[in-house]
C-alpha atoms as a PDB file:
ATOM      1  CA  MET A   1     -61.733  21.749  70.957  1.00  0.00           C
ATOM      2  CA  GLU A   2     -62.704  18.624  68.946  1.00  0.00           C
ATOM      3  CA  THR A   3     -60.516  15.800  68.114  1.00  0.00           C
ATOM      4  CA  PRO A   4     -60.290  14.912  64.412  1.00  0.00           C
ATOM      5  CA  LEU A   5     -61.881  11.226  64.600  1.00  0.00           C
ATOM      6  CA  TYR A   6     -60.356  10.501  61.226  1.00  0.00           C
ATOM      7  CA  PHE A   7     -57.009  11.308  62.235  1.00  0.00           C
ATOM      8  CA  MET A   8     -57.277   9.030  65.312  1.00  0.00           C
ATOM      9  CA  ASN A   9     -58.865   6.048  62.877  1.00  0.00           C
ATOM     10  CA  TYR A  10     -56.380   5.994  60.143  1.00  0.00           C
ATOM     11  CA  CYS A  11     -53.396   7.313  61.751  1.00  0.00           C
ATOM     12  CA  PRO A  12     -53.563   5.398  65.676  1.00  0.00           C
ATOM     13  CA  TYR A  13     -49.711   6.468  66.132  1.00  0.00           C
ATOM     14  CA  ASN A  14     -50.427   9.500  65.323  1.00  0.00           C
ATOM     15  CA  GLY A  15     -53.496   9.623  67.049  1.00  0.00           C
ATOM     16  CA  THR A  16     -52.028   8.597  70.278  1.00  0.00           C
ATOM     17  CA  LEU A  17     -49.734  11.723  70.225  1.00  0.00           C
ATOM     18  CA  TYR A  18     -52.150  14.297  69.546  1.00  0.00           C
ATOM     19  CA  LEU A  19     -54.202  13.096  72.485  1.00  0.00           C
ATOM     20  CA  LEU A  20     -51.172  13.350  74.305  1.00  0.00           C
ATOM     21  CA  TYR A  21     -50.723  16.825  72.670  1.00  0.00           C
ATOM     22  CA  TYR A  22     -54.489  17.533  73.373  1.00  0.00           C
ATOM     23  CA  LYS A  23     -53.987  16.503  76.980  1.00  0.00           C
ATOM     24  CA  GLN A  24     -51.142  18.538  77.528  1.00  0.00           C
ATOM     25  CA  ILE A  25     -53.228  21.679  75.894  1.00  0.00           C
ATOM     26  CA  LEU A  26     -56.054  21.542  78.739  1.00  0.00           C
ATOM     27  CA  LYS A  27     -53.672  20.952  81.434  1.00  0.00           C
ATOM     28  CA  ARG A  28     -51.906  24.018  80.494  1.00  0.00           C
ATOM     29  CA  ARG A  29     -54.840  25.805  79.917  1.00  0.00           C
ATOM     30  CA  SER A  30     -56.505  24.770  83.405  1.00  0.00           C
ATOM     31  CA  GLN A  31     -53.242  25.622  85.114  1.00  0.00           C
ATOM     32  CA  LYS A  32     -53.538  28.915  83.386  1.00  0.00           C
ATOM     33  CA  MET A  33     -56.804  29.475  84.545  1.00  0.00           C
ATOM     34  CA  LEU A  34     -55.928  28.245  88.013  1.00  0.00           C
ATOM     35  CA  ASN A  35     -53.164  30.857  88.380  1.00  0.00           C
ATOM     36  CA  VAL A  36     -55.320  33.417  86.952  1.00  0.00           C
ATOM     37  CA  LYS A  37     -58.065  32.886  89.847  1.00  0.00           C
ATOM     38  CA  ILE A  38     -55.071  32.677  92.292  1.00  0.00           C
ATOM     39  CA  PHE A  39     -53.606  36.604  91.262  1.00  0.00           C
ATOM     40  CA  LYS A  40     -57.318  37.609  91.424  1.00  0.00           C
ATOM     41  CA  LYS A  41     -57.581  36.155  94.937  1.00  0.00           C
ATOM     42  CA  TYR A  42     -54.267  37.979  95.545  1.00  0.00           C
ATOM     43  CA  LEU A  43     -54.842  41.048  93.788  1.00  0.00           C
ATOM     44  CA  PHE A  44     -58.272  41.224  95.821  1.00  0.00           C
ATOM     45  CA  ILE A  45     -56.416  40.848  99.197  1.00  0.00           C
ATOM     46  CA  GLY A  46     -53.912  43.539  97.846  1.00  0.00           C
ATOM     47  CA  ILE A  47     -56.807  45.960  97.170  1.00  0.00           C
ATOM     48  CA  LEU A  48     -58.459  45.519 100.370  1.00  0.00           C
ATOM     49  CA  LEU A  49     -55.711  45.945 102.750  1.00  0.00           C
ATOM     50  CA  VAL A  50     -54.657  48.831 100.599  1.00  0.00           C
ATOM     51  CA  THR A  51     -57.767  50.266 101.070  1.00  0.00           C
ATOM     52  CA  MET A  52     -58.491  49.398 105.019  1.00  0.00           C
ATOM     53  CA  GLY A  53     -55.003  51.070 105.312  1.00  0.00           C
ATOM     54  CA  LEU A  54     -56.403  54.289 103.659  1.00  0.00           C
ATOM     55  CA  LEU A  55     -59.118  54.614 106.070  1.00  0.00           C
ATOM     56  CA  GLY A  56     -57.319  53.774 109.207  1.00  0.00           C
ATOM     57  CA  ALA A  57     -54.471  56.888 107.982  1.00  0.00           C
ATOM     58  CA  CYS A  58     -57.999  59.021 107.387  1.00  0.00           C
ATOM     59  CA  GLY A  59     -59.643  57.743 110.640  1.00  0.00           C
ATOM     60  CA  GLU A  60     -55.993  59.016 112.448  1.00  0.00           C
ATOM     61  CA  ASP A  61     -55.779  62.260 110.648  1.00  0.00           C
ATOM     62  CA  THR A  62     -59.481  63.363 111.567  1.00  0.00           C
ATOM     63  CA  ASN A  63     -58.952  62.196 115.077  1.00  0.00           C
ATOM     64  CA  SER A  64     -55.829  63.863 114.866  1.00  0.00           C
ATOM     65  CA  GLU A  65     -57.344  67.162 113.517  1.00  0.00           C
ATOM     66  CA  ASP A  66     -60.337  66.901 116.101  1.00  0.00           C
ATOM     67  CA  ASN A  67     -57.846  65.953 119.775  1.00  0.00           C
ATOM     68  CA  SER A  68     -56.016  69.317 117.972  1.00  0.00           C
ATOM     69  CA  SER A  69     -59.211  71.220 117.489  1.00  0.00           C
ATOM     70  CA  LYS A  70     -60.139  70.283 121.121  1.00  0.00           C
ATOM     71  CA  GLU A  71     -56.725  70.822 122.483  1.00  0.00           C
ATOM     72  CA  SER A  72     -56.808  74.194 120.773  1.00  0.00           C
ATOM     73  CA  SER A  73     -60.607  75.011 121.752  1.00  0.00           C
ATOM     74  CA  THR A  74     -59.615  74.164 125.499  1.00  0.00           C
ATOM     75  CA  GLU A  75     -57.036  76.255 125.485  1.00  0.00           C
ATOM     76  CA  ASN A  76     -58.673  79.176 123.790  1.00  0.00           C
ATOM     77  CA  ASN A  77     -61.454  78.883 126.516  1.00  0.00           C
ATOM     78  CA  GLU A  78     -58.622  78.777 129.386  1.00  0.00           C
ATOM     79  CA  THR A  79     -56.718  81.879 128.186  1.00  0.00           C
ATOM     80  CA  ASN A  80     -60.394  83.470 128.079  1.00  0.00           C
ATOM     81  CA  GLU A  81     -61.306  82.472 131.227  1.00  0.00           C
ATOM     82  CA  ASN A  82     -57.710  83.712 132.528  1.00  0.00           C
ATOM     83  CA  GLN A  83     -58.227  86.896 130.584  1.00  0.00           C
ATOM     84  CA  GLU A  84     -61.600  87.566 132.244  1.00  0.00           C
ATOM     85  CA  ASP A  85     -60.658  86.732 135.768  1.00  0.00           C
ATOM     86  CA  SER A  86     -57.447  89.364 135.375  1.00  0.00           C
ATOM     87  CA  ASN A  87     -59.661  92.091 134.050  1.00  0.00           C
ATOM     88  CA  ASP A  88     -61.822  91.287 137.120  1.00  0.00           C
ATOM     89  CA  GLU A  89     -59.317  91.414 139.407  1.00  0.00           C
ATOM     90  CA  ASN A  90     -57.950  94.725 137.385  1.00  0.00           C
ATOM     91  CA  GLU A  91     -60.958  96.129 137.326  1.00  0.00           C
ATOM     92  CA  SER A  92     -61.375  95.633 141.414  1.00  0.00           C
ATOM     93  CA  LYS A  93     -57.738  96.727 141.843  1.00  0.00           C
ATOM     94  CA  LYS A  94     -59.069  99.929 139.645  1.00  0.00           C
ATOM     95  CA  SER A  95     -62.168 100.299 141.549  1.00  0.00           C
ATOM     96  CA  GLU A  96     -60.137 100.232 144.966  1.00  0.00           C
ATOM     97  CA  ASP A  97     -56.897 102.247 143.954  1.00  0.00           C
ATOM     98  CA  LYS A  98     -59.479 105.321 142.953  1.00  0.00           C
ATOM     99  CA  VAL A  99     -59.341 108.088 144.740  1.00  0.00           C
ATOM    100  CA  TYR A 100     -62.520 110.130 145.268  1.00  0.00           C
ATOM    101  CA  LYS A 101     -63.442 113.491 146.316  1.00  0.00           C
ATOM    102  CA  VAL A 102     -66.011 115.885 148.356  1.00  0.00           C
ATOM    103  CA  GLY A 103     -68.811 115.379 146.157  1.00  0.00           C
ATOM    104  CA  ASP A 104     -68.793 112.518 144.367  1.00  0.00           C
ATOM    105  CA  THR A 105     -71.423 109.289 144.825  1.00  0.00           C
ATOM    106  CA  VAL A 106     -69.988 106.141 145.579  1.00  0.00           C
ATOM    107  CA  LYS A 107     -71.998 102.671 144.634  1.00  0.00           C
ATOM    108  CA  VAL A 108     -70.860 100.352 147.812  1.00  0.00           C
ATOM    109  CA  GLY A 109     -73.050  97.232 147.310  1.00  0.00           C
ATOM    110  CA  ASN A 110     -76.581  98.488 147.564  1.00  0.00           C
ATOM    111  CA  VAL A 111     -75.720 101.942 149.409  1.00  0.00           C
ATOM    112  CA  GLU A 112     -75.026 104.815 147.575  1.00  0.00           C
ATOM    113  CA  LEU A 113     -72.507 106.996 149.793  1.00  0.00           C
ATOM    114  CA  THR A 114     -71.974 110.717 149.061  1.00  0.00           C
ATOM    115  CA  VAL A 115     -70.158 113.241 151.250  1.00  0.00           C
ATOM    116  CA  ASN A 116     -71.347 116.517 150.899  1.00  0.00           C
ATOM    117  CA  SER A 117     -68.872 118.704 152.400  1.00  0.00           C
ATOM    118  CA  ALA A 118     -65.911 118.763 154.490  1.00  0.00           C
ATOM    119  CA  SER A 119     -64.816 121.775 157.112  1.00  0.00           C
ATOM    120  CA  PHE A 120     -63.830 122.632 160.315  1.00  0.00           C
ATOM    121  CA  SER A 121     -65.725 123.875 163.152  1.00  0.00           C
ATOM    122  CA  GLU A 122     -64.971 124.384 166.572  1.00  0.00           C
ATOM    123  CA  PRO A 123     -64.628 122.332 169.626  1.00  0.00           C
ATOM    124  CA  ALA A 124     -67.772 122.316 172.457  1.00  0.00           C
ATOM    125  CA  GLU A 125     -67.735 124.394 174.983  1.00  0.00           C
ATOM    126  CA  TYR A 126     -66.629 121.837 177.821  1.00  0.00           C
ATOM    127  CA  SER A 127     -65.304 119.199 175.189  1.00  0.00           C
ATOM    128  CA  GLU A 128     -61.722 120.772 173.720  1.00  0.00           C
ATOM    129  CA  SER A 129     -59.791 118.979 170.495  1.00  0.00           C
ATOM    130  CA  LYS A 130     -56.704 117.385 171.291  1.00  0.00           C
ATOM    131  CA  ASN A 131     -55.317 118.876 168.075  1.00  0.00           C
ATOM    132  CA  GLY A 132     -56.637 121.864 167.858  1.00  0.00           C
ATOM    133  CA  LYS A 133     -59.081 121.541 164.986  1.00  0.00           C
ATOM    134  CA  VAL A 134     -62.678 119.478 164.501  1.00  0.00           C
ATOM    135  CA  LEU A 135     -62.878 118.361 160.678  1.00  0.00           C
ATOM    136  CA  THR A 136     -66.858 118.053 160.410  1.00  0.00           C
ATOM    137  CA  LEU A 137     -68.165 115.643 157.228  1.00  0.00           C
ATOM    138  CA  ASP A 138     -71.615 115.580 155.930  1.00  0.00           C
ATOM    139  CA  VAL A 139     -72.711 112.525 154.554  1.00  0.00           C
ATOM    140  CA  THR A 140     -75.463 110.700 152.965  1.00  0.00           C
ATOM    141  CA  ALA A 141     -76.265 106.970 152.132  1.00  0.00           C
ATOM    142  CA  LYS A 142     -78.959 105.764 150.071  1.00  0.00           C
ATOM    143  CA  ASN A 143     -79.968 101.973 150.104  1.00  0.00           C
ATOM    144  CA  THR A 144     -81.004 100.425 146.925  1.00  0.00           C
ATOM    145  CA  GLY A 145     -81.030  96.944 147.853  1.00  0.00           C
ATOM    146  CA  ASP A 146     -83.939  95.101 149.408  1.00  0.00           C
ATOM    147  CA  ASP A 147     -82.805  94.379 152.508  1.00  0.00           C
ATOM    148  CA  GLN A 148     -81.859  96.742 155.494  1.00  0.00           C
ATOM    149  CA  VAL A 149     -78.117  97.839 155.748  1.00  0.00           C
ATOM    150  CA  PHE A 150     -76.928  99.541 158.668  1.00  0.00           C
ATOM    151  CA  ILE A 151     -74.427 102.788 158.672  1.00  0.00           C
ATOM    152  CA  ASP A 152     -72.355 103.868 161.503  1.00  0.00           C
ATOM    153  CA  ASN A 153     -69.372 106.580 162.198  1.00  0.00           C
ATOM    154  CA  THR A 154     -67.416 104.078 163.445  1.00  0.00           C
ATOM    155  CA  GLU A 155     -66.909 102.751 159.221  1.00  0.00           C
ATOM    156  CA  PHE A 156     -65.255 106.501 158.519  1.00  0.00           C
ATOM    157  CA  ALA A 157     -61.636 106.915 159.141  1.00  0.00           C
ATOM    158  CA  ILE A 158     -59.338 110.027 158.642  1.00  0.00           C
ATOM    159  CA  TYR A 159     -55.165 110.027 158.588  1.00  0.00           C
ATOM    160  CA  ASP A 160     -52.768 113.038 158.206  1.00  0.00           C
ATOM    161  CA  ASN A 161     -50.868 113.245 155.584  1.00  0.00           C
ATOM    162  CA  ASN A 162     -48.149 111.377 157.445  1.00  0.00           C
ATOM    163  CA  GLY A 163     -50.434 108.325 157.566  1.00  0.00           C
ATOM    164  CA  ASN A 164     -51.509 108.914 161.394  1.00  0.00           C
ATOM    165  CA  LYS A 165     -54.626 108.236 162.261  1.00  0.00           C
ATOM    166  CA  GLN A 166     -57.163 111.062 163.456  1.00  0.00           C
ATOM    167  CA  ASP A 167     -59.142 110.230 166.467  1.00  0.00           C
ATOM    168  CA  ASP A 168     -62.808 111.008 166.640  1.00  0.00           C
ATOM    169  CA  TYR A 169     -64.451 113.617 168.314  1.00  0.00           C
ATOM    170  CA  TYR A 170     -67.451 113.144 170.695  1.00  0.00           C
ATOM    171  CA  GLY A 171     -67.972 116.794 172.069  1.00  0.00           C
ATOM    172  CA  TYR A 172     -71.367 117.526 170.516  1.00  0.00           C
ATOM    173  CA  ASP A 173     -74.767 117.324 171.086  1.00  0.00           C
ATOM    174  CA  ASP A 174     -75.398 116.067 167.466  1.00  0.00           C
ATOM    175  CA  MET A 175     -74.097 112.940 167.705  1.00  0.00           C
ATOM    176  CA  ALA A 176     -72.447 111.335 164.442  1.00  0.00           C
ATOM    177  CA  ILE A 177     -74.045 109.228 162.471  1.00  0.00           C
ATOM    178  CA  SER A 178     -75.585 105.695 162.883  1.00  0.00           C
ATOM    179  CA  GLU A 179     -78.892 104.339 161.344  1.00  0.00           C
ATOM    180  CA  GLN A 180     -80.618 101.229 160.225  1.00  0.00           C
ATOM    181  CA  ILE A 181     -81.687 102.320 156.663  1.00  0.00           C
ATOM    182  CA  ASN A 182     -84.476 100.783 155.322  1.00  0.00           C
ATOM    183  CA  SER A 183     -84.842  99.607 151.386  1.00  0.00           C
ATOM    184  CA  GLY A 184     -85.382 102.737 149.460  1.00  0.00           C
ATOM    185  CA  LYS A 185     -84.297 104.923 152.026  1.00  0.00           C
ATOM    186  CA  GLN A 186     -81.595 107.102 153.189  1.00  0.00           C
ATOM    187  CA  VAL A 187     -80.147 109.454 155.694  1.00  0.00           C
ATOM    188  CA  GLN A 188     -78.181 112.030 156.189  1.00  0.00           C
ATOM    189  CA  GLY A 189     -75.626 112.848 159.187  1.00  0.00           C
ATOM    190  CA  LYS A 190     -72.288 113.843 160.304  1.00  0.00           C
ATOM    191  CA  VAL A 191     -69.318 112.584 161.278  1.00  0.00           C
ATOM    192  CA  TYR A 192     -66.756 114.040 163.539  1.00  0.00           C
ATOM    193  CA  PHE A 193     -62.699 113.827 164.030  1.00  0.00           C
ATOM    194  CA  ASP A 194     -60.302 115.473 166.256  1.00  0.00           C
ATOM    195  CA  VAL A 195     -57.496 116.489 163.873  1.00  0.00           C
ATOM    196  CA  VAL A 196     -54.139 118.241 163.323  1.00  0.00           C
ATOM    197  CA  ASN A 197     -54.512 121.726 161.169  1.00  0.00           C
ATOM    198  CA  GLN A 198     -53.919 120.400 157.571  1.00  0.00           C
ATOM    199  CA  ASP A 199     -55.437 121.448 153.947  1.00  0.00           C
ATOM    200  CA  SER A 200     -56.370 117.923 152.909  1.00  0.00           C
ATOM    201  CA  TYR A 201     -56.948 114.684 154.701  1.00  0.00           C
ATOM    202  CA  GLU A 202     -56.944 110.917 153.202  1.00  0.00           C
ATOM    203  CA  MET A 203     -60.751 109.325 154.529  1.00  0.00           C
ATOM    204  CA  ILE A 204     -60.973 105.501 154.150  1.00  0.00           C
ATOM    205  CA  TYR A 205     -64.491 104.050 154.255  1.00  0.00           C
ATOM    206  CA  THR A 206     -64.783 100.433 154.900  1.00  0.00           C
ATOM    207  CA  PRO A 207     -68.439  99.371 155.353  1.00  0.00           C
ATOM    208  CA  SER A 208     -69.421  97.298 157.698  1.00  0.00           C
ATOM    209  CA  PHE A 209     -72.316  95.595 155.957  1.00  0.00           C
ATOM    210  CA  SER A 210     -69.793  93.797 153.041  1.00  0.00           C
ATOM    211  CA  TRP A 211     -67.987  90.789 153.558  1.00  0.00           C
ATOM    212  CA  ASP A 212     -65.231  91.619 151.349  1.00  0.00           C
ATOM    213  CA  SER A 213     -63.271  94.483 153.604  1.00  0.00           C
ATOM    214  CA  LYS A 214     -63.131  96.325 150.611  1.00  0.00           C
ATOM    215  CA  GLU A 215     -61.606 100.105 151.253  1.00  0.00           C
ATOM    216  CA  TYR A 216     -63.278 103.555 149.823  1.00  0.00           C
ATOM    217  CA  ILE A 217     -60.621 106.090 149.708  1.00  0.00           C
ATOM    218  CA  PHE A 218     -61.360 109.965 149.850  1.00  0.00           C
ATOM    219  CA  GLU A 219     -59.249 113.065 149.633  1.00  0.00           C
ATOM    220  CA  ILE A 220     -60.673 115.606 151.842  1.00  0.00           C
ATOM    221  CA  ILE A 221     -60.394 119.253 151.635  1.00  0.00           C
ATOM    222  CA  PRO A 222     -62.593 121.506 154.304  1.00  0.00           C
ATOM    223  CA  LYS A 223     -63.841 124.589 153.342  1.00  0.00           C
END
């Protein structure tokens, strides 16, 4: 804004007033510009703070979701592991609870064990049976592993219907099975028991070559 010189030259008093008025206008304009700058500065700071707040909130939500996802994944893994352990225990228990019969082949570690037959036989002439009967089991054991295994008649036990263990019988010249089995080979032999007269018995096989002391149950019905 330019000041009219003729107004100031020919109207000194009015010119002075005009200069004062003009200065006031410039002062107000400068103050207004300063206020605008201050407003813009605080507006920028406000926008910056709001943006930082939003980013922080998003980060917390993301971390929360990640942590929740990790916790959920961990819980699922633990649940799956527990379920697998439970399944393994159930399978092991089922295997232990299963009752096999004469003619069944049982996988015992690297050995396939079969009770081929069960029958009563007469005691030897000079070795009587205390209970009056001799139960003879014909068994086959096959080694499917790479190492030798040992099978012995002492791994077999017979019980009557009342849960009483029956004695082994050693009166025959044909000795009970007691063999070292090489890899890929199999042996067949007999196991003898001095038993009370019954229609059926329970046989429990506990392999000496296994460290888990697992027992295998057979129902023995002599022919």
